[in-house]
Amino acid sequence: MVQETTEQFGRRLAQALEAFPEAPPTSHGRLTWLKRALEKKAGVKVSVNTVHKWVNGVSRPREDNMRALARVLMVDELWLAMGRRPVDHGEAAPPTPERAHGVVLLVAGMVEVNGGRVTFPDAEAEGTPHLHVNWNGEQFGVVAVLPQAKDGSSISFVIPEPVGDARVVAVIQDGDTRLLDLTEVPRRTFGGFSVTKINAVGAGQYETEAGEEIPTFFQTKIVS
């Protein structure tokens, strides 16, 4: 049973690595990247051989190293360690709280100036959405995100989960500031977050990886 659990942990760690936008897109170089990321972001020094054993399910990290892995890869520690979601999602938050706070305010402001109405969840509310929108009589929750990584024309987003019935709205700055509706864009879920990618195909135009156009909520000109 211990060996089976260790192997399952290795698969979850490999999944989290594959989904993380900053990790190398292919398996080559991921172990070295994770070793360096652990040291840089969490102050944890381990060898590439140790990381190799973790990813391949040969051994499991100590509790402190498990916590560091979850922090670096932005996944729920309980999911990474045991494959379970926590009952309390109160700590499930966007990857960078300071940036998330700013992007939520930006989305709220753009909705308001375009004639919509916005309310914020109670301070003690758990999980998502980040805000509630009333637009043309329609009411819905919004999860607001910023790009987490760019590789040429490809743009990656990390989305806090669970999203539920809320809409996923991304802020893009490409000369203008625009809000893209990523709700229907396919995403891969890993623990307390999901990852999705879109492609920039022209001036202010974005598509899913399958080539489907992504709708724009609002657009605002940037005045220099």
C-alpha atoms as a PDB file:
ATOM      1  CA  MET A   1       0.000   0.000   0.000  1.00  0.00           C
ATOM      2  CA  VAL A   2       2.867   2.401   0.795  1.00  0.00           C
ATOM      3  CA  GLN A   3       4.437   1.735  -2.585  1.00  0.00           C
ATOM      4  CA  GLU A   4       1.115   2.304  -4.359  1.00  0.00           C
ATOM      5  CA  THR A   5       0.605   5.605  -2.518  1.00  0.00           C
ATOM      6  CA  THR A   6       4.127   6.704  -3.402  1.00  0.00           C
ATOM      7  CA  GLU A   7       3.543   5.930  -7.069  1.00  0.00           C
ATOM      8  CA  GLN A   8       0.273   7.837  -7.018  1.00  0.00           C
ATOM      9  CA  PHE A   9       2.052  10.810  -5.484  1.00  0.00           C
ATOM     10  CA  GLY A  10       4.640  10.675  -8.272  1.00  0.00           C
ATOM     11  CA  ARG A  11       1.880  10.799 -10.882  1.00  0.00           C
ATOM     12  CA  ARG A  12       0.257  13.815  -9.229  1.00  0.00           C
ATOM     13  CA  LEU A  13       3.597  15.608  -9.018  1.00  0.00           C
ATOM     14  CA  ALA A  14       4.225  14.890 -12.701  1.00  0.00           C
ATOM     15  CA  GLN A  15       0.749  16.230 -13.546  1.00  0.00           C
ATOM     16  CA  ALA A  16       1.347  19.414 -11.577  1.00  0.00           C
ATOM     17  CA  LEU A  17       4.687  19.902 -13.315  1.00  0.00           C
ATOM     18  CA  GLU A  18       3.166  19.356 -16.743  1.00  0.00           C
ATOM     19  CA  ALA A  19       0.391  21.862 -16.034  1.00  0.00           C
ATOM     20  CA  PHE A  20       2.542  24.588 -14.485  1.00  0.00           C
ATOM     21  CA  PRO A  21       3.083  27.392 -17.035  1.00  0.00           C
ATOM     22  CA  GLU A  22       6.645  28.254 -16.013  1.00  0.00           C
ATOM     23  CA  ALA A  23       7.928  24.681 -16.237  1.00  0.00           C
ATOM     24  CA  PRO A  24       9.593  23.513 -19.475  1.00  0.00           C
ATOM     25  CA  PRO A  25       6.934  22.457 -22.023  1.00  0.00           C
ATOM     26  CA  THR A  26       8.573  19.042 -22.494  1.00  0.00           C
ATOM     27  CA  SER A  27       9.773  16.543 -19.909  1.00  0.00           C
ATOM     28  CA  HIS A  28      13.389  17.385 -20.746  1.00  0.00           C
ATOM     29  CA  GLY A  29      14.659  19.897 -18.213  1.00  0.00           C
ATOM     30  CA  ARG A  30      11.666  19.771 -15.864  1.00  0.00           C
ATOM     31  CA  LEU A  31      13.525  18.065 -13.040  1.00  0.00           C
ATOM     32  CA  THR A  32      16.352  20.603 -13.096  1.00  0.00           C
ATOM     33  CA  TRP A  33      13.810  23.426 -13.313  1.00  0.00           C
ATOM     34  CA  LEU A  34      11.943  22.110 -10.256  1.00  0.00           C
ATOM     35  CA  LYS A  35      15.177  21.712  -8.286  1.00  0.00           C
ATOM     36  CA  ARG A  36      16.088  25.341  -9.001  1.00  0.00           C
ATOM     37  CA  ALA A  37      12.549  26.612  -8.362  1.00  0.00           C
ATOM     38  CA  LEU A  38      12.458  24.912  -4.960  1.00  0.00           C
ATOM     39  CA  GLU A  39      15.695  26.585  -3.949  1.00  0.00           C
ATOM     40  CA  LYS A  40      14.790  30.003  -5.349  1.00  0.00           C
ATOM     41  CA  LYS A  41      11.151  30.208  -4.240  1.00  0.00           C
ATOM     42  CA  ALA A  42      11.113  28.082  -1.097  1.00  0.00           C
ATOM     43  CA  GLY A  43      14.723  27.910   0.072  1.00  0.00           C
ATOM     44  CA  VAL A  44      14.747  24.110  -0.266  1.00  0.00           C
ATOM     45  CA  LYS A  45      17.948  22.510  -1.541  1.00  0.00           C
ATOM     46  CA  VAL A  46      17.643  19.019  -3.000  1.00  0.00           C
ATOM     47  CA  SER A  47      19.461  17.120  -5.731  1.00  0.00           C
ATOM     48  CA  VAL A  48      18.124  16.394  -9.196  1.00  0.00           C
ATOM     49  CA  ASN A  49      18.288  12.718  -8.253  1.00  0.00           C
ATOM     50  CA  THR A  50      15.929  13.351  -5.333  1.00  0.00           C
ATOM     51  CA  VAL A  51      13.478  15.181  -7.578  1.00  0.00           C
ATOM     52  CA  HIS A  52      13.728  12.299 -10.068  1.00  0.00           C
ATOM     53  CA  LYS A  53      12.752   9.833  -7.318  1.00  0.00           C
ATOM     54  CA  TRP A  54       9.761  11.986  -6.324  1.00  0.00           C
ATOM     55  CA  VAL A  55       8.428  12.357  -9.862  1.00  0.00           C
ATOM     56  CA  ASN A  56       8.870   8.666 -10.611  1.00  0.00           C
ATOM     57  CA  GLY A  57       7.180   7.521  -7.422  1.00  0.00           C
ATOM     58  CA  VAL A  58      10.278   5.935  -5.903  1.00  0.00           C
ATOM     59  CA  SER A  59      10.163   8.045  -2.740  1.00  0.00           C
ATOM     60  CA  ARG A  60       8.075  10.747  -1.082  1.00  0.00           C
ATOM     61  CA  PRO A  61       9.321  14.081   0.251  1.00  0.00           C
ATOM     62  CA  ARG A  62       9.258  14.993   3.921  1.00  0.00           C
ATOM     63  CA  GLU A  63       6.340  17.080   5.154  1.00  0.00           C
ATOM     64  CA  ASP A  64       8.248  20.369   4.869  1.00  0.00           C
ATOM     65  CA  ASN A  65       9.386  19.554   1.337  1.00  0.00           C
ATOM     66  CA  MET A  66       5.847  18.499   0.382  1.00  0.00           C
ATOM     67  CA  ARG A  67       4.640  21.907   1.531  1.00  0.00           C
ATOM     68  CA  ALA A  68       7.372  23.585  -0.519  1.00  0.00           C
ATOM     69  CA  LEU A  69       6.430  21.598  -3.632  1.00  0.00           C
ATOM     70  CA  ALA A  70       2.779  22.601  -3.261  1.00  0.00           C
ATOM     71  CA  ARG A  71       3.782  26.241  -2.818  1.00  0.00           C
ATOM     72  CA  VAL A  72       6.087  26.315  -5.832  1.00  0.00           C
ATOM     73  CA  LEU A  73       3.639  24.499  -8.138  1.00  0.00           C
ATOM     74  CA  MET A  74       0.600  26.331  -6.683  1.00  0.00           C
ATOM     75  CA  VAL A  75      -1.467  23.253  -5.866  1.00  0.00           C
ATOM     76  CA  ASP A  76      -3.341  22.155  -2.777  1.00  0.00           C
ATOM     77  CA  GLU A  77      -0.913  20.472  -0.393  1.00  0.00           C
ATOM     78  CA  LEU A  78      -3.535  17.893   0.608  1.00  0.00           C
ATOM     79  CA  TRP A  79      -4.206  17.024  -3.037  1.00  0.00           C
ATOM     80  CA  LEU A  80      -0.500  16.677  -3.793  1.00  0.00           C
ATOM     81  CA  ALA A  81       0.216  14.568  -0.725  1.00  0.00           C
ATOM     82  CA  MET A  82      -2.917  12.434  -0.525  1.00  0.00           C
ATOM     83  CA  GLY A  83      -4.906  12.992  -3.725  1.00  0.00           C
ATOM     84  CA  ARG A  84      -7.782  14.562  -1.777  1.00  0.00           C
ATOM     85  CA  ARG A  85      -9.284  18.036  -1.868  1.00  0.00           C
ATOM     86  CA  PRO A  86      -9.602  19.831   1.469  1.00  0.00           C
ATOM     87  CA  VAL A  87     -13.107  20.171   2.876  1.00  0.00           C
ATOM     88  CA  ASP A  88     -12.522  23.836   3.623  1.00  0.00           C
ATOM     89  CA  HIS A  89     -11.705  25.837   0.480  1.00  0.00           C
ATOM     90  CA  GLY A  90     -11.234  29.076   2.380  1.00  0.00           C
ATOM     91  CA  GLU A  91      -7.528  29.145   1.578  1.00  0.00           C
ATOM     92  CA  ALA A  92      -7.991  28.439  -2.131  1.00  0.00           C
ATOM     93  CA  ALA A  93      -6.785  31.700  -3.659  1.00  0.00           C
ATOM     94  CA  PRO A  94      -5.342  32.988  -6.907  1.00  0.00           C
ATOM     95  CA  PRO A  95      -1.625  32.259  -7.380  1.00  0.00           C
ATOM     96  CA  THR A  96      -0.475  35.784  -6.530  1.00  0.00           C
ATOM     97  CA  PRO A  97      -2.861  37.489  -4.070  1.00  0.00           C
ATOM     98  CA  GLU A  98      -1.436  40.985  -4.567  1.00  0.00           C
ATOM     99  CA  ARG A  99      -1.861  40.850  -8.349  1.00  0.00           C
ATOM    100  CA  ALA A 100      -5.225  39.143  -8.001  1.00  0.00           C
ATOM    101  CA  HIS A 101      -6.514  41.968  -5.815  1.00  0.00           C
ATOM    102  CA  GLY A 102      -5.510  44.478  -8.488  1.00  0.00           C
ATOM    103  CA  VAL A 103      -7.015  42.524 -11.370  1.00  0.00           C
ATOM    104  CA  VAL A 104     -10.321  42.094  -9.510  1.00  0.00           C
ATOM    105  CA  LEU A 105     -10.536  45.849  -8.983  1.00  0.00           C
ATOM    106  CA  LEU A 106      -9.693  46.473 -12.644  1.00  0.00           C
ATOM    107  CA  VAL A 107     -12.421  44.119 -13.860  1.00  0.00           C
ATOM    108  CA  ALA A 108     -14.900  45.689 -11.451  1.00  0.00           C
ATOM    109  CA  GLY A 109     -14.030  49.181 -12.682  1.00  0.00           C
ATOM    110  CA  MET A 110     -14.397  48.263 -16.354  1.00  0.00           C
ATOM    111  CA  VAL A 111     -17.767  46.655 -15.705  1.00  0.00           C
ATOM    112  CA  GLU A 112     -18.978  49.731 -13.812  1.00  0.00           C
ATOM    113  CA  VAL A 113     -17.887  52.273 -16.425  1.00  0.00           C
ATOM    114  CA  ASN A 114     -19.606  50.213 -19.124  1.00  0.00           C
ATOM    115  CA  GLY A 115     -22.934  50.372 -17.323  1.00  0.00           C
ATOM    116  CA  GLY A 116     -22.852  47.234 -15.209  1.00  0.00           C
ATOM    117  CA  ARG A 117     -23.058  46.878 -11.449  1.00  0.00           C
ATOM    118  CA  VAL A 118     -20.614  45.031  -9.206  1.00  0.00           C
ATOM    119  CA  THR A 119     -20.747  43.686  -5.674  1.00  0.00           C
ATOM    120  CA  PHE A 120     -17.945  41.958  -3.790  1.00  0.00           C
ATOM    121  CA  PRO A 121     -18.293  38.761  -1.741  1.00  0.00           C
ATOM    122  CA  ASP A 122     -18.262  39.023   2.033  1.00  0.00           C
ATOM    123  CA  ALA A 123     -14.805  39.197   3.526  1.00  0.00           C
ATOM    124  CA  GLU A 124     -15.301  35.762   5.079  1.00  0.00           C
ATOM    125  CA  ALA A 125     -16.680  34.160   1.899  1.00  0.00           C
ATOM    126  CA  GLU A 126     -14.813  31.035   0.846  1.00  0.00           C
ATOM    127  CA  GLY A 127     -13.324  30.328  -2.573  1.00  0.00           C
ATOM    128  CA  THR A 128     -14.578  31.912  -5.755  1.00  0.00           C
ATOM    129  CA  PRO A 129     -16.059  33.980  -7.360  1.00  0.00           C
ATOM    130  CA  HIS A 130     -14.039  37.141  -6.841  1.00  0.00           C
ATOM    131  CA  LEU A 131     -17.002  39.430  -7.528  1.00  0.00           C
ATOM    132  CA  HIS A 132     -20.671  39.395  -8.584  1.00  0.00           C
ATOM    133  CA  VAL A 133     -21.813  41.240 -11.714  1.00  0.00           C
ATOM    134  CA  ASN A 134     -25.208  42.533 -12.803  1.00  0.00           C
ATOM    135  CA  TRP A 135     -25.037  43.167 -16.547  1.00  0.00           C
ATOM    136  CA  ASN A 136     -28.144  44.038 -18.579  1.00  0.00           C
ATOM    137  CA  GLY A 137     -30.293  42.311 -15.995  1.00  0.00           C
ATOM    138  CA  GLU A 138     -28.154  39.167 -16.003  1.00  0.00           C
ATOM    139  CA  GLN A 139     -26.383  38.259 -12.780  1.00  0.00           C
ATOM    140  CA  PHE A 140     -23.289  36.077 -12.590  1.00  0.00           C
ATOM    141  CA  GLY A 141     -20.102  35.555 -10.620  1.00  0.00           C
ATOM    142  CA  VAL A 142     -16.691  36.397 -12.055  1.00  0.00           C
ATOM    143  CA  VAL A 143     -13.280  34.847 -11.489  1.00  0.00           C
ATOM    144  CA  ALA A 144     -10.656  37.373 -12.636  1.00  0.00           C
ATOM    145  CA  VAL A 145      -7.209  36.284 -13.844  1.00  0.00           C
ATOM    146  CA  LEU A 146      -4.047  37.700 -15.384  1.00  0.00           C
ATOM    147  CA  PRO A 147      -1.641  35.982 -17.804  1.00  0.00           C
ATOM    148  CA  GLN A 148       0.864  33.849 -15.906  1.00  0.00           C
ATOM    149  CA  ALA A 149       3.237  33.002 -18.746  1.00  0.00           C
ATOM    150  CA  LYS A 150       3.795  33.862 -22.401  1.00  0.00           C
ATOM    151  CA  ASP A 151       5.629  31.824 -25.010  1.00  0.00           C
ATOM    152  CA  GLY A 152       5.509  33.526 -28.383  1.00  0.00           C
ATOM    153  CA  SER A 153       1.840  33.839 -29.298  1.00  0.00           C
ATOM    154  CA  SER A 154       0.759  31.385 -26.588  1.00  0.00           C
ATOM    155  CA  ILE A 155      -0.577  32.805 -23.313  1.00  0.00           C
ATOM    156  CA  SER A 156      -1.179  30.698 -20.194  1.00  0.00           C
ATOM    157  CA  PHE A 157      -3.526  31.376 -17.282  1.00  0.00           C
ATOM    158  CA  VAL A 158      -3.735  29.769 -13.870  1.00  0.00           C
ATOM    159  CA  ILE A 159      -7.331  29.759 -12.603  1.00  0.00           C
ATOM    160  CA  PRO A 160      -8.258  29.164  -8.944  1.00  0.00           C
ATOM    161  CA  GLU A 161     -10.735  26.324  -8.538  1.00  0.00           C
ATOM    162  CA  PRO A 162     -13.527  25.575  -8.017  1.00  0.00           C
ATOM    163  CA  VAL A 163     -15.017  28.010 -10.541  1.00  0.00           C
ATOM    164  CA  GLY A 164     -18.522  26.578 -10.368  1.00  0.00           C
ATOM    165  CA  ASP A 165     -21.047  28.605 -12.365  1.00  0.00           C
ATOM    166  CA  ALA A 166     -18.886  31.737 -12.411  1.00  0.00           C
ATOM    167  CA  ARG A 167     -17.419  33.173 -15.594  1.00  0.00           C
ATOM    168  CA  VAL A 168     -13.661  33.266 -16.036  1.00  0.00           C
ATOM    169  CA  VAL A 169     -12.558  36.718 -17.189  1.00  0.00           C
ATOM    170  CA  ALA A 170      -8.958  37.434 -18.201  1.00  0.00           C
ATOM    171  CA  VAL A 171      -7.360  40.868 -18.394  1.00  0.00           C
ATOM    172  CA  ILE A 172      -5.160  41.308 -21.455  1.00  0.00           C
ATOM    173  CA  GLN A 173      -3.052  44.389 -22.192  1.00  0.00           C
ATOM    174  CA  ASP A 174      -2.004  44.531 -25.827  1.00  0.00           C
ATOM    175  CA  GLY A 175      -2.008  48.273 -26.473  1.00  0.00           C
ATOM    176  CA  ASP A 176      -5.574  48.319 -25.185  1.00  0.00           C
ATOM    177  CA  THR A 177      -6.874  46.800 -21.995  1.00  0.00           C
ATOM    178  CA  ARG A 178      -9.495  44.170 -22.763  1.00  0.00           C
ATOM    179  CA  LEU A 179     -11.435  41.559 -20.844  1.00  0.00           C
ATOM    180  CA  LEU A 180     -11.627  38.132 -22.473  1.00  0.00           C
ATOM    181  CA  ASP A 181     -14.254  35.544 -21.583  1.00  0.00           C
ATOM    182  CA  LEU A 182     -12.343  32.303 -20.945  1.00  0.00           C
ATOM    183  CA  THR A 183     -15.310  30.466 -19.438  1.00  0.00           C
ATOM    184  CA  GLU A 184     -15.722  28.016 -22.320  1.00  0.00           C
ATOM    185  CA  VAL A 185     -12.008  27.629 -23.067  1.00  0.00           C
ATOM    186  CA  PRO A 186     -10.907  24.064 -22.183  1.00  0.00           C
ATOM    187  CA  ARG A 187      -8.747  23.853 -19.081  1.00  0.00           C
ATOM    188  CA  ARG A 188      -6.974  21.129 -17.162  1.00  0.00           C
ATOM    189  CA  THR A 189      -7.676  20.918 -13.434  1.00  0.00           C
ATOM    190  CA  PHE A 190      -5.004  19.928 -10.906  1.00  0.00           C
ATOM    191  CA  GLY A 191      -5.860  20.197  -7.237  1.00  0.00           C
ATOM    192  CA  GLY A 192      -6.873  23.735  -6.341  1.00  0.00           C
ATOM    193  CA  PHE A 193      -6.168  25.299  -9.713  1.00  0.00           C
ATOM    194  CA  SER A 194      -6.604  24.766 -13.424  1.00  0.00           C
ATOM    195  CA  VAL A 195      -4.532  25.833 -16.420  1.00  0.00           C
ATOM    196  CA  THR A 196      -5.691  27.074 -19.792  1.00  0.00           C
ATOM    197  CA  LYS A 197      -3.881  28.412 -22.838  1.00  0.00           C
ATOM    198  CA  ILE A 198      -4.935  30.728 -25.650  1.00  0.00           C
ATOM    199  CA  ASN A 199      -3.206  32.070 -28.751  1.00  0.00           C
ATOM    200  CA  ALA A 200      -2.833  35.645 -29.962  1.00  0.00           C
ATOM    201  CA  VAL A 201      -3.604  35.555 -33.693  1.00  0.00           C
ATOM    202  CA  GLY A 202      -3.702  39.245 -34.602  1.00  0.00           C
ATOM    203  CA  ALA A 203      -4.264  42.739 -33.268  1.00  0.00           C
ATOM    204  CA  GLY A 204      -6.678  42.243 -30.409  1.00  0.00           C
ATOM    205  CA  GLN A 205      -7.686  38.778 -31.624  1.00  0.00           C
ATOM    206  CA  TYR A 206      -7.375  35.607 -29.565  1.00  0.00           C
ATOM    207  CA  GLU A 207      -8.272  31.983 -30.149  1.00  0.00           C
ATOM    208  CA  THR A 208      -8.367  28.733 -28.237  1.00  0.00           C
ATOM    209  CA  GLU A 209      -5.788  26.084 -29.085  1.00  0.00           C
ATOM    210  CA  ALA A 210      -8.508  24.525 -31.263  1.00  0.00           C
ATOM    211  CA  GLY A 211      -8.791  27.747 -33.295  1.00  0.00           C
ATOM    212  CA  GLU A 212     -12.087  29.027 -31.850  1.00  0.00           C
ATOM    213  CA  GLU A 213     -12.446  32.780 -31.390  1.00  0.00           C
ATOM    214  CA  ILE A 214     -12.515  34.027 -27.795  1.00  0.00           C
ATOM    215  CA  PRO A 215     -15.137  36.713 -27.104  1.00  0.00           C
ATOM    216  CA  THR A 216     -14.234  40.067 -25.571  1.00  0.00           C
ATOM    217  CA  PHE A 217     -16.256  41.437 -22.674  1.00  0.00           C
ATOM    218  CA  PHE A 218     -14.972  45.010 -22.736  1.00  0.00           C
ATOM    219  CA  GLN A 219     -12.134  46.967 -24.265  1.00  0.00           C
ATOM    220  CA  THR A 220     -10.571  50.228 -23.123  1.00  0.00           C
ATOM    221  CA  LYS A 221      -8.067  52.356 -24.996  1.00  0.00           C
ATOM    222  CA  ILE A 222      -4.860  53.143 -23.166  1.00  0.00           C
ATOM    223  CA  VAL A 223      -4.138  56.861 -23.209  1.00  0.00           C
ATOM    224  CA  SER A 224      -0.471  57.769 -22.919  1.00  0.00           C
END
